[in-house]
Protein backbone atom coordinates (compact mmCIF):
# COMPACT_ATOMS: atom_id res chain seq x y z
CA MET A 1 173.01 127.63 80.17
CA THR A 2 169.25 127.23 79.66
CA ASP A 3 166.94 126.65 82.63
CA VAL A 4 166.18 123.11 81.46
CA ALA A 5 169.87 122.29 81.05
CA PHE A 6 170.68 123.79 84.43
CA ASP A 7 167.92 121.86 86.22
CA ARG A 8 169.07 118.66 84.52
CA ALA A 9 172.73 119.33 85.46
CA VAL A 10 171.85 119.94 89.10
CA ALA A 11 169.44 117.02 89.35
CA ASP A 12 171.58 114.57 87.38
CA PRO A 13 175.21 115.74 87.39
CA ALA A 14 177.73 114.03 85.18
CA PRO A 15 179.73 111.24 86.83
CA VAL A 16 182.77 112.65 88.60
CA GLN A 17 185.35 111.37 91.03
CA PRO A 18 183.58 111.24 94.43
CA ALA A 19 184.56 113.86 96.98
CA SER A 20 187.39 112.80 99.25
CA ARG A 21 187.43 113.24 102.98
CA PRO A 22 189.74 116.14 103.84
CA ASN A 23 193.00 115.41 105.62
CA LEU A 24 192.23 116.22 109.25
CA ASP A 25 195.20 114.42 110.76
CA LYS A 26 198.03 116.58 109.52
CA GLY A 27 199.81 117.96 112.56
CA PHE A 28 201.00 121.49 113.03
CA ASN A 29 204.55 122.46 112.16
CA PRO A 30 206.76 122.48 115.30
CA LEU A 31 207.44 126.15 114.61
CA THR A 32 203.70 126.78 114.79
CA MET A 33 203.49 125.16 118.22
CA ILE A 34 206.46 127.19 119.43
CA LEU A 35 204.66 130.31 118.21
CA PHE A 36 201.46 129.12 119.93
CA PHE A 37 203.09 128.74 123.34
CA GLY A 38 205.08 131.92 122.81
CA ILE A 39 201.90 133.94 122.23
CA LEU A 40 200.31 132.26 125.26
CA ALA A 41 203.24 133.23 127.50
CA VAL A 42 203.35 136.79 126.16
CA GLY A 43 199.59 137.08 126.71
CA LEU A 44 199.83 136.04 130.37
CA LEU A 45 202.74 138.42 130.96
CA PHE A 46 200.78 141.21 129.26
CA VAL A 47 197.81 140.59 131.57
CA ALA A 48 200.02 140.67 134.68
CA TYR A 49 201.79 143.82 133.52
CA SER A 50 198.52 145.60 132.68
CA ILE A 51 197.06 144.86 136.12
CA TYR A 52 200.27 146.10 137.75
CA VAL A 53 200.16 149.36 135.76
CA ASP A 54 196.46 149.96 136.50
CA VAL A 55 196.83 149.30 140.23
CA ASN A 56 200.00 151.36 140.43
CA ALA A 57 198.24 154.30 138.74
CA THR A 58 195.73 154.47 141.61
CA GLY A 59 198.52 154.91 144.16
CA THR A 60 197.24 152.01 146.24
CA ARG A 61 199.77 150.32 148.52
CA VAL A 62 199.81 146.52 148.28
CA THR A 63 199.63 145.10 151.82
CA THR A 64 198.63 141.52 150.97
CA TYR A 65 198.98 139.38 147.87
CA LEU A 66 195.99 137.09 148.61
CA PRO A 67 193.49 139.07 146.45
CA TYR A 68 195.98 139.00 143.58
CA ILE A 69 196.44 135.24 143.89
CA LEU A 70 192.65 134.78 143.78
CA LEU A 71 192.53 137.22 140.87
CA PHE A 72 195.14 135.24 138.94
CA VAL A 73 193.30 131.94 139.49
CA ALA A 74 189.93 133.48 138.56
CA LEU A 75 191.38 135.07 135.41
CA LEU A 76 192.95 131.77 134.36
CA ILE A 77 189.56 130.05 134.71
CA ALA A 78 187.76 132.84 132.83
CA LEU A 79 190.31 132.81 130.00
CA GLY A 80 190.15 129.00 130.09
CA PHE A 81 186.42 129.26 129.37
CA GLU A 82 187.15 131.43 126.32
CA PHE A 83 189.90 129.02 125.22
CA VAL A 84 187.48 126.07 125.36
CA ASN A 85 184.86 128.21 123.64
CA GLY A 86 187.38 128.77 120.83
CA PHE A 87 187.94 125.13 119.96
CA HIS A 88 184.36 124.11 120.78
CA ASP A 89 182.33 126.72 118.89
CA THR A 90 184.66 128.03 116.21
CA ALA A 91 185.06 124.57 114.71
CA ASN A 92 181.65 125.22 113.17
CA ALA A 93 183.03 128.16 111.19
CA VAL A 94 185.82 126.16 109.54
CA ALA A 95 183.91 122.94 108.77
CA THR A 96 182.54 124.24 105.46
CA VAL A 97 185.84 125.51 104.04
CA ILE A 98 187.61 122.29 105.10
CA TYR A 99 184.99 119.91 103.64
CA THR A 100 184.79 121.83 100.36
CA HIS A 101 188.61 121.74 100.10
CA SER A 102 188.68 125.54 99.99
CA LEU A 103 191.45 125.61 102.62
CA PRO A 104 193.61 122.91 104.21
CA ALA A 105 192.48 122.18 107.77
CA GLU A 106 195.56 123.65 109.48
CA VAL A 107 195.35 126.85 107.43
CA ALA A 108 191.59 127.16 108.02
CA VAL A 109 191.82 127.00 111.81
CA MET A 110 194.66 129.55 111.94
CA TRP A 111 192.74 131.85 109.56
CA SER A 112 189.60 131.51 111.69
CA GLY A 113 191.58 132.04 114.89
CA PHE A 114 192.99 135.32 113.56
CA PHE A 115 189.56 136.69 112.66
CA ASN A 116 188.14 135.56 116.00
CA PHE A 117 190.94 137.64 117.51
CA LEU A 118 189.95 140.69 115.44
CA GLY A 119 186.26 140.19 116.23
CA VAL A 120 186.92 140.34 119.96
CA LEU A 121 189.12 143.44 119.67
CA LEU A 122 186.51 145.36 117.68
CA SER A 123 183.46 144.25 119.69
CA SER A 124 181.10 146.78 121.27
CA GLY A 125 180.81 145.36 124.80
CA ALA A 126 176.99 145.40 124.79
CA VAL A 127 176.71 141.60 124.99
CA ALA A 128 179.21 141.46 127.88
CA PHE A 129 176.98 143.42 130.22
CA GLY A 130 173.81 141.80 128.90
CA ILE A 131 175.17 138.52 130.30
CA VAL A 132 176.16 140.14 133.62
CA SER A 133 172.65 141.60 134.01
CA LEU A 134 171.33 138.06 134.48
CA LEU A 135 173.19 137.72 137.78
CA PRO A 136 171.51 138.58 141.10
CA VAL A 137 172.14 142.23 141.99
CA GLU A 138 173.11 141.41 145.57
CA LEU A 139 175.89 139.12 144.32
CA ILE A 140 177.16 141.73 141.85
CA LEU A 141 177.23 144.34 144.63
CA GLN A 142 179.33 142.03 146.84
CA VAL A 143 181.37 140.43 144.09
CA GLY A 144 184.57 140.86 146.12
CA SER A 145 183.18 138.82 149.01
CA SER A 146 183.38 135.06 149.49
CA ALA A 147 179.91 134.72 147.93
CA GLY A 148 181.12 136.69 144.91
CA PHE A 149 184.12 134.40 144.38
CA ALA A 150 181.92 131.32 144.86
CA MET A 151 179.59 132.71 142.17
CA VAL A 152 182.33 133.37 139.61
CA PHE A 153 184.15 130.07 140.15
CA ALA A 154 180.92 128.02 140.13
CA LEU A 155 179.48 129.39 136.90
CA LEU A 156 182.77 129.35 134.98
CA ILE A 157 183.81 125.84 136.05
CA ALA A 158 180.30 124.49 135.35
CA ALA A 159 180.38 126.00 131.84
CA ILE A 160 183.85 124.60 131.13
CA LEU A 161 182.91 121.09 132.35
CA TRP A 162 179.78 120.92 130.19
CA ASN A 163 181.60 122.29 127.15
CA LEU A 164 184.38 119.72 127.53
CA GLY A 165 181.85 116.92 128.02
CA THR A 166 179.91 117.73 124.85
CA TRP A 167 183.14 118.27 122.91
CA LEU A 168 184.34 114.82 123.99
CA PHE A 169 181.30 113.30 122.26
CA GLY A 170 181.66 115.58 119.24
CA LEU A 171 178.37 117.38 119.94
CA PRO A 172 178.16 121.00 118.77
CA ALA A 173 176.47 122.25 121.97
CA SER A 174 176.22 125.98 122.62
CA SER A 175 178.72 127.76 124.88
CA SER A 176 176.24 130.65 125.15
CA HIS A 177 173.50 128.29 126.26
CA THR A 178 175.88 126.70 128.75
CA LEU A 179 177.04 129.98 130.29
CA ILE A 180 173.52 131.34 130.67
CA GLY A 181 172.40 128.10 132.30
CA SER A 182 175.34 128.35 134.70
CA ILE A 183 174.41 131.93 135.60
CA ILE A 184 170.77 130.96 136.24
CA GLY A 185 171.91 128.04 138.41
CA VAL A 186 174.00 130.34 140.60
CA GLY A 187 171.11 132.82 140.92
CA VAL A 188 168.59 130.16 141.89
CA ALA A 189 170.97 128.53 144.40
CA ASN A 190 171.79 131.91 145.96
CA ALA A 191 168.09 132.75 146.41
CA VAL A 192 167.27 129.35 147.97
CA MET A 193 170.26 129.58 150.34
CA ARG A 194 168.95 132.98 151.49
CA GLY A 195 165.51 131.55 152.23
CA ARG A 196 163.80 133.07 149.20
CA ASP A 197 161.88 131.58 146.31
CA GLY A 198 164.36 130.25 143.75
CA THR A 199 162.65 132.22 140.97
CA SER A 200 163.65 135.51 142.64
CA GLY A 201 167.35 134.88 142.08
CA VAL A 202 167.39 135.74 138.37
CA ASP A 203 166.34 138.67 136.22
CA TRP A 204 163.75 136.63 134.34
CA SER A 205 162.80 139.44 131.96
CA LYS A 206 166.39 139.56 130.73
CA ALA A 207 166.63 135.76 130.80
CA THR A 208 163.47 135.54 128.68
CA GLU A 209 164.85 138.07 126.20
CA ILE A 210 168.08 136.09 125.87
CA GLY A 211 166.16 132.81 125.84
CA TYR A 212 164.15 133.94 122.83
CA ALA A 213 167.37 134.82 121.01
CA LEU A 214 168.83 131.37 121.74
CA LEU A 215 165.57 129.59 120.93
CA LEU A 216 164.86 131.38 117.65
CA SER A 217 168.42 131.50 116.28
CA PRO A 218 168.50 127.77 115.26
CA LEU A 219 165.13 128.18 113.52
CA VAL A 220 166.44 131.28 111.77
CA GLY A 221 169.55 129.34 110.73
CA PHE A 222 167.59 126.37 109.36
CA ILE A 223 164.90 128.34 107.49
CA CYS A 224 167.09 131.15 106.15
CA ALA A 225 169.84 128.79 104.93
CA ALA A 226 167.23 126.66 103.13
CA VAL A 227 165.61 129.73 101.55
CA LEU A 228 168.99 131.20 100.58
CA LEU A 229 170.06 127.96 98.88
CA LEU A 230 166.82 127.84 96.85
CA LEU A 231 167.27 131.52 95.98
CA LEU A 232 170.82 130.87 94.83
CA LYS A 233 169.61 128.06 92.58
CA PHE A 234 167.11 130.46 91.02
CA ILE A 235 169.57 133.33 90.51
CA VAL A 236 173.00 131.71 89.95
CA ARG A 237 172.63 129.18 87.16
CA ASN A 238 176.00 127.52 87.50
CA PRO A 239 175.90 123.77 88.30
CA ALA A 240 179.46 123.86 89.70
CA LEU A 241 178.18 125.77 92.72
CA TYR A 242 175.76 122.98 93.66
CA ALA A 243 178.17 120.09 93.25
CA ALA A 244 180.34 118.35 95.84
CA PRO A 245 184.12 118.70 95.39
CA GLU A 246 185.78 116.33 92.93
CA GLY A 247 188.23 114.21 94.89
CA ASN A 248 190.69 116.50 96.63
CA LYS A 249 190.29 119.18 93.98
CA ALA A 250 189.88 122.75 95.21
CA PRO A 251 186.73 124.57 94.01
CA PRO A 252 186.82 127.19 91.24
CA LEU A 253 188.49 130.40 92.37
CA TRP A 254 185.30 132.48 92.66
CA ILE A 255 183.55 129.80 94.74
CA ARG A 256 186.63 129.35 96.88
CA GLY A 257 186.75 133.11 97.51
CA LEU A 258 183.06 133.11 98.50
CA LEU A 259 183.50 130.23 100.97
CA ILE A 260 186.61 131.76 102.56
CA ALA A 261 184.78 135.10 102.84
CA THR A 262 181.80 133.49 104.60
CA CYS A 263 184.12 131.56 106.96
CA THR A 264 185.87 134.84 107.74
CA GLY A 265 182.54 136.53 108.44
CA VAL A 266 181.38 133.80 110.82
CA SER A 267 184.74 133.77 112.64
CA PHE A 268 184.71 137.55 113.05
CA ALA A 269 181.06 137.57 114.18
CA HIS A 270 181.74 134.72 116.62
CA GLY A 271 184.63 136.63 118.16
CA SER A 272 182.62 139.84 118.47
CA ASN A 273 179.68 138.05 120.14
CA ASP A 274 181.07 135.12 122.12
CA GLY A 275 184.24 136.89 123.21
CA GLN A 276 182.19 139.45 125.09
CA LYS A 277 180.73 136.85 127.44
CA GLY A 278 184.14 136.24 128.97
CA MET A 279 184.81 140.00 129.10
CA GLY A 280 181.80 140.67 131.30
CA LEU A 281 182.82 137.96 133.76
CA ILE A 282 186.44 139.12 133.80
CA MET A 283 185.24 142.63 134.67
CA LEU A 284 183.27 141.18 137.58
CA ILE A 285 186.42 139.44 138.78
CA LEU A 286 188.48 142.62 138.48
CA ILE A 287 185.86 144.72 140.27
CA GLY A 288 185.72 142.19 143.11
CA THR A 289 189.46 141.80 143.61
CA VAL A 290 190.90 145.18 142.60
CA PRO A 291 188.03 147.69 142.97
CA THR A 292 190.36 150.67 143.29
CA ALA A 293 191.48 150.22 139.69
CA TYR A 294 188.41 148.73 137.98
CA ALA A 295 185.22 149.59 139.89
CA LEU A 296 184.93 152.96 138.12
CA ASN A 297 186.00 154.08 134.67
CA ARG A 298 188.87 156.35 135.68
CA ALA A 299 189.60 157.05 132.02
CA LEU A 300 186.24 158.80 131.59
CA PRO A 301 186.97 162.33 130.24
CA GLU A 302 185.96 165.39 132.26
CA SER A 303 183.49 166.41 129.54
CA GLN A 304 181.50 163.23 130.18
CA VAL A 305 181.63 163.81 133.93
CA ALA A 306 180.15 167.29 133.33
CA GLN A 307 177.45 165.69 131.16
CA PHE A 308 176.79 163.24 134.00
CA GLN A 309 175.97 166.15 136.31
CA LYS A 310 173.41 167.50 133.84
CA THR A 311 171.67 164.16 133.30
CA SER A 312 171.78 163.48 137.05
CA ASP A 313 170.05 166.77 137.89
CA ALA A 314 167.38 166.18 135.25
CA ALA A 315 166.73 162.59 136.40
CA SER A 316 166.64 163.68 140.05
CA LYS A 317 163.83 166.13 139.29
CA VAL A 318 161.79 163.50 137.43
CA ILE A 319 162.09 160.89 140.17
CA ALA A 320 161.59 163.40 143.02
CA ALA A 321 158.37 164.62 141.34
CA LYS A 322 157.06 161.04 141.23
CA GLY A 323 157.88 160.60 144.93
CA ALA A 324 156.42 163.94 146.04
CA GLY A 325 154.43 163.70 149.25
CA HIS A 326 156.50 160.81 150.59
CA SER A 327 159.75 160.91 152.50
CA ILE A 328 162.15 158.34 153.89
CA ILE A 329 164.34 158.29 156.96
CA GLY A 330 167.66 156.51 156.93
CA ASP A 331 169.41 154.52 154.20
CA PRO A 332 167.51 154.42 150.86
CA ARG A 333 169.48 151.44 149.52
CA PRO A 334 167.45 148.56 151.04
CA ALA A 335 164.23 149.85 149.45
CA VAL A 336 165.92 150.27 146.05
CA THR A 337 167.48 146.79 146.30
CA GLN A 338 164.08 145.34 147.19
CA TYR A 339 162.51 146.95 144.13
CA ILE A 340 165.26 145.53 141.90
CA ALA A 341 164.72 142.04 143.36
CA LEU A 342 160.90 142.03 143.35
CA HIS A 343 160.10 144.53 140.53
CA GLN A 344 157.16 145.90 142.54
CA ILE A 345 156.66 149.64 142.92
CA ASN A 346 155.48 150.75 146.37
CA GLU A 347 155.23 154.11 148.13
CA GLY A 348 158.89 153.98 149.13
CA THR A 349 160.32 153.21 145.67
CA TYR A 350 160.40 156.70 144.13
CA PRO A 351 161.47 158.66 147.24
CA SER A 352 164.22 156.11 148.03
CA LEU A 353 165.50 156.19 144.46
CA ALA A 354 165.38 160.01 144.48
CA VAL A 355 167.62 160.10 147.56
CA LEU A 356 170.03 157.59 146.02
CA VAL A 357 170.25 159.58 142.76
CA LYS A 358 171.03 162.72 144.77
CA ASP A 359 173.69 160.85 146.79
CA VAL A 360 175.39 159.62 143.63
CA GLY A 361 175.35 163.12 142.14
CA ASP A 362 176.81 164.58 145.35
CA GLN A 363 179.60 161.99 145.39
CA VAL A 364 180.65 162.75 141.81
CA ALA A 365 180.38 166.52 142.36
CA LYS A 366 182.49 166.26 145.50
CA TYR A 367 185.48 164.71 143.70
CA GLY A 368 185.09 166.45 140.32
CA THR A 369 186.29 163.46 138.28
CA LEU A 370 186.06 159.72 138.77
CA ASN A 371 189.84 159.56 138.75
CA LYS A 372 189.91 161.46 142.05
CA VAL A 373 187.49 159.22 143.94
CA PRO A 374 189.59 157.91 146.87
CA ALA A 375 190.32 154.20 147.10
CA GLU A 376 188.16 153.67 150.19
CA ALA A 377 185.11 155.23 148.49
CA VAL A 378 185.39 153.63 145.05
CA GLY A 379 183.48 150.45 145.88
CA ASN A 380 180.55 152.27 147.48
CA THR A 381 180.29 154.84 144.69
CA ARG A 382 180.34 152.12 142.06
CA ASN A 383 177.69 150.05 143.87
CA ASP A 384 175.41 153.08 144.22
CA MET A 385 175.78 153.84 140.51
CA TYR A 386 175.15 150.24 139.49
CA MET A 387 172.12 149.90 141.78
CA THR A 388 170.65 153.17 140.47
CA SER A 389 171.18 152.10 136.86
CA GLU A 390 169.48 148.73 137.42
CA ALA A 391 166.55 150.31 139.27
CA ILE A 392 166.01 152.78 136.41
CA ARG A 393 166.27 149.95 133.87
CA PHE A 394 163.47 148.03 135.55
CA LEU A 395 161.48 151.19 136.21
CA MET A 396 161.41 152.15 132.53
CA LYS A 397 160.11 148.65 131.62
CA ASP A 398 157.55 148.60 134.46
CA LYS A 399 153.96 149.01 133.21
CA GLU A 400 153.03 150.72 136.49
CA ASN A 401 155.73 153.40 136.28
CA ASP A 402 153.41 156.22 135.15
CA LEU A 403 156.25 157.80 133.16
CA GLY A 404 155.80 159.90 130.01
CA LYS A 405 157.98 159.69 126.91
CA GLU A 406 160.05 162.75 127.85
CA GLU A 407 160.57 161.45 131.38
CA ILE A 408 161.69 158.05 130.05
CA ALA A 409 164.11 159.80 127.67
CA THR A 410 165.55 161.79 130.61
CA LEU A 411 166.01 158.66 132.72
CA ASN A 412 167.50 156.80 129.77
CA ALA A 413 170.11 159.54 129.26
CA TYR A 414 170.98 159.39 132.96
CA LYS A 415 171.28 155.60 132.82
CA GLY A 416 173.67 155.99 129.88
CA SER A 417 175.88 158.27 131.99
CA LEU A 418 175.85 155.77 134.86
CA ASP A 419 176.73 152.89 132.56
CA ALA A 420 179.62 154.85 131.01
CA ALA A 421 181.10 155.10 134.49
CA THR A 422 180.58 151.48 135.56
CA LYS A 423 180.24 149.30 132.44
CA PHE A 424 183.54 149.59 130.63
CA ILE A 425 186.14 147.15 129.33
CA PRO A 426 189.86 148.03 129.37
CA THR A 427 191.72 147.35 126.14
CA TRP A 428 193.98 144.77 127.76
CA VAL A 429 190.93 142.67 128.75
CA LYS A 430 189.84 142.58 125.11
CA ILE A 431 193.34 141.58 124.02
CA ALA A 432 193.58 138.81 126.64
CA VAL A 433 190.19 137.35 125.65
CA ALA A 434 191.07 137.69 121.96
CA ILE A 435 194.29 135.70 122.49
CA ALA A 436 192.46 132.98 124.49
CA LEU A 437 189.67 132.63 121.92
CA GLY A 438 192.04 132.80 118.95
CA LEU A 439 194.45 130.20 120.33
CA GLY A 440 191.57 127.97 121.41
CA THR A 441 190.38 127.89 117.81
CA MET A 442 193.63 126.16 116.83
CA ILE A 443 193.25 123.31 119.35
CA GLY A 444 190.72 120.46 119.55
CA TRP A 445 188.63 121.53 116.55
CA LYS A 446 188.54 118.14 114.81
CA ARG A 447 185.67 116.44 116.69
CA ILE A 448 183.14 119.18 116.02
CA VAL A 449 184.33 119.67 112.42
CA VAL A 450 183.69 115.99 111.64
CA THR A 451 180.17 116.18 113.08
CA VAL A 452 179.24 119.28 111.06
CA GLY A 453 181.00 118.15 107.87
CA GLU A 454 180.03 114.47 107.78
CA LYS A 455 177.24 113.60 110.19
CA ILE A 456 174.44 116.11 109.57
CA GLY A 457 173.61 115.40 105.91
CA LYS A 458 173.61 112.09 104.07
CA SER A 459 175.68 113.42 101.19
CA HIS A 460 178.90 115.41 100.99
CA LEU A 461 178.59 119.14 101.63
CA THR A 462 178.33 121.17 98.42
CA TYR A 463 179.77 124.64 97.85
CA ALA A 464 176.36 126.33 97.85
CA GLN A 465 175.27 124.54 101.03
CA GLY A 466 178.39 125.62 102.87
CA ALA A 467 178.14 129.22 101.66
CA SER A 468 174.41 129.46 102.52
CA ALA A 469 174.92 128.19 106.07
CA GLU A 470 177.92 130.48 106.65
CA LEU A 471 176.25 133.61 105.22
CA VAL A 472 173.17 133.13 107.39
CA ALA A 473 175.29 132.45 110.49
CA ALA A 474 177.44 135.56 109.99
CA ALA A 475 174.40 137.79 109.40
CA THR A 476 172.45 136.39 112.38
CA ILE A 477 175.35 136.68 114.82
CA GLY A 478 176.25 140.16 113.56
CA ALA A 479 172.65 141.36 114.02
CA ALA A 480 172.51 139.86 117.53
CA ASP A 481 175.75 141.66 118.40
CA MET A 482 174.19 145.00 117.37
CA PHE A 483 171.25 144.42 119.72
CA GLY A 484 173.44 143.16 122.58
CA LEU A 485 171.96 139.64 122.49
CA PRO A 486 174.07 136.49 122.89
CA VAL A 487 173.29 133.84 120.28
CA SER A 488 174.89 130.50 119.60
CA THR A 489 177.28 130.18 116.67
CA THR A 490 176.95 126.42 117.08
CA HIS A 491 173.17 126.38 116.86
CA VAL A 492 172.92 128.84 113.97
CA LEU A 493 175.57 127.21 111.79
CA SER A 494 174.77 123.54 112.41
CA SER A 495 171.05 124.21 111.87
CA GLY A 496 172.01 126.20 108.75
CA VAL A 497 173.87 123.18 107.36
CA ALA A 498 170.83 121.02 108.15
CA GLY A 499 168.52 123.53 106.44
CA ALA A 500 170.69 123.64 103.31
CA MET A 501 170.83 119.83 103.20
CA ALA A 502 167.04 119.59 103.56
CA ALA A 503 166.39 122.23 100.88
CA ASN A 504 168.68 120.41 98.47
CA GLY A 505 166.98 117.08 99.10
CA SER A 506 170.29 115.64 100.32
CA GLY A 507 168.70 113.97 103.32
CA LEU A 508 169.55 114.30 107.02
CA GLN A 509 171.20 111.83 109.38
CA TRP A 510 168.48 111.76 112.00
CA SER A 511 170.65 110.08 114.62
CA THR A 512 172.94 113.13 114.57
CA ILE A 513 169.99 115.55 114.49
CA ARG A 514 168.51 113.74 117.50
CA ASN A 515 171.80 114.02 119.40
CA LEU A 516 172.06 117.73 118.54
CA LEU A 517 168.51 118.32 119.75
CA MET A 518 169.21 116.39 122.95
CA ALA A 519 172.31 118.48 123.61
CA TRP A 520 170.29 121.62 122.88
CA VAL A 521 167.50 120.58 125.29
CA LEU A 522 169.75 119.22 128.05
CA THR A 523 172.37 121.98 128.08
CA LEU A 524 170.28 124.47 130.05
CA PRO A 525 169.01 122.17 132.86
CA CYS A 526 172.36 120.38 133.19
CA ALA A 527 174.31 123.65 133.37
CA ILE A 528 171.81 124.99 135.94
CA MET A 529 172.16 121.94 138.18
CA LEU A 530 175.93 121.76 137.81
CA SER A 531 176.54 125.42 138.63
CA ALA A 532 174.01 125.44 141.48
CA THR A 533 175.75 122.43 143.06
CA LEU A 534 179.19 123.99 142.66
CA TYR A 535 177.95 127.29 144.11
CA VAL A 536 176.68 125.54 147.25
CA ILE A 537 180.01 123.69 147.60
CA PHE A 538 182.16 126.79 146.99
CA SER A 539 180.02 128.86 149.38
CA ARG A 540 181.03 126.44 152.13
CA ILE A 541 184.72 126.64 151.16
CA PHE A 542 185.31 130.37 150.66
């Protein structure tokens, strides 16, 4: 086809039967629902069995069932968050294939749910602990206390309530945005309740880093989807790609394959990124309630423990050299904790950290392997490791650290050894989150799908618009996963659809865009206030 003919075909397509609204009201087969509840039951039994096996392997005698009851409730809430995340966020991934008639709605959500499941299972875990790093260190160190339980319950319930509220109005708000706002709210409330400035309750450098990712991702989605659509028009000179579906007719096979592939990519990327947020919180719950089994990575091989000793000795020398001429008497932990909270180096920072590094090294050397650390010492060893890792993380970013490149590399290697011992995710946790996210995808998806498919642009979604938005979303989320940054599937994909509509001259429904922007702006402050209020209430109860 000549360029002139192509431009004319795209600008003035031949009259065709207008695109029909997809059938969104077809219910699931009863057998499907039986399978759904069967998988749910098996998942819960698998979680209970896995915890039993892990606790039993430590040789710990169970004297009271109260921690396990709290654990069960907390896990249900955490998995409930991932379930809601599934039907709230993943609906974005299936909207394009449903509205282009590439897949029937019921097939699309099951397909997406399966690849969400795979995405969670194959995720790296970097995002999980990036989220946890936002929490106040003092709360993480006492996560098994009443304050720790108040923290976990407040931030999870606040996130679930806001997600359900926005879902009820069909608004594609961000679960990532919501969870981060909930975490900030808990941190601020905790600081104020302890008589400190509210700004000291959050790692603002990490919050800023994550905030940039959340702020820029919608812009990336809008601009890149628009550019990609225009690029497609220039390269692929096939008018069928830029047309809306004819009636209920499925698209040509090659277009259909492209759209299903992009839906698959977004679903997989969503699982690998969003699923990790629940993993990090579940690990906090496990560490707080069953520290003997989950505070330290007992599966760490002896070779890595030997490597830990080497990196520990090297780091100890670097830090001790920086603290030469100063000494401390008594417990070094308060000074290290103060540095983590205030990020200000003083004359006690390096000598205190040097003593703590030596203590951690002595503890590991004493037992030989992490698997032999006795139950009564596990919590303290883990806290010392976590505190040391966080102090080194801030120290390496501190402009006043006076560290050379080789010294930073030495400390970074030591931090990696510490994180291998404390920041791990058991396979069963991944499976449980994968089941919750995958099953959630199959429930309640319709409201968000209608918003993305019908209420963003003024015309019916074309094949190229859907593919452009999905490709950009999958690439953006996948890149964020590599760098350990949480981004919003909702923001990237819905803004991608808007960008593709704008680039095509299809027009935007500004009432919907306004509502999306309002949800985007209000999510953070509302989640902060909601979680802060719940934290204060739960702190009085627990």
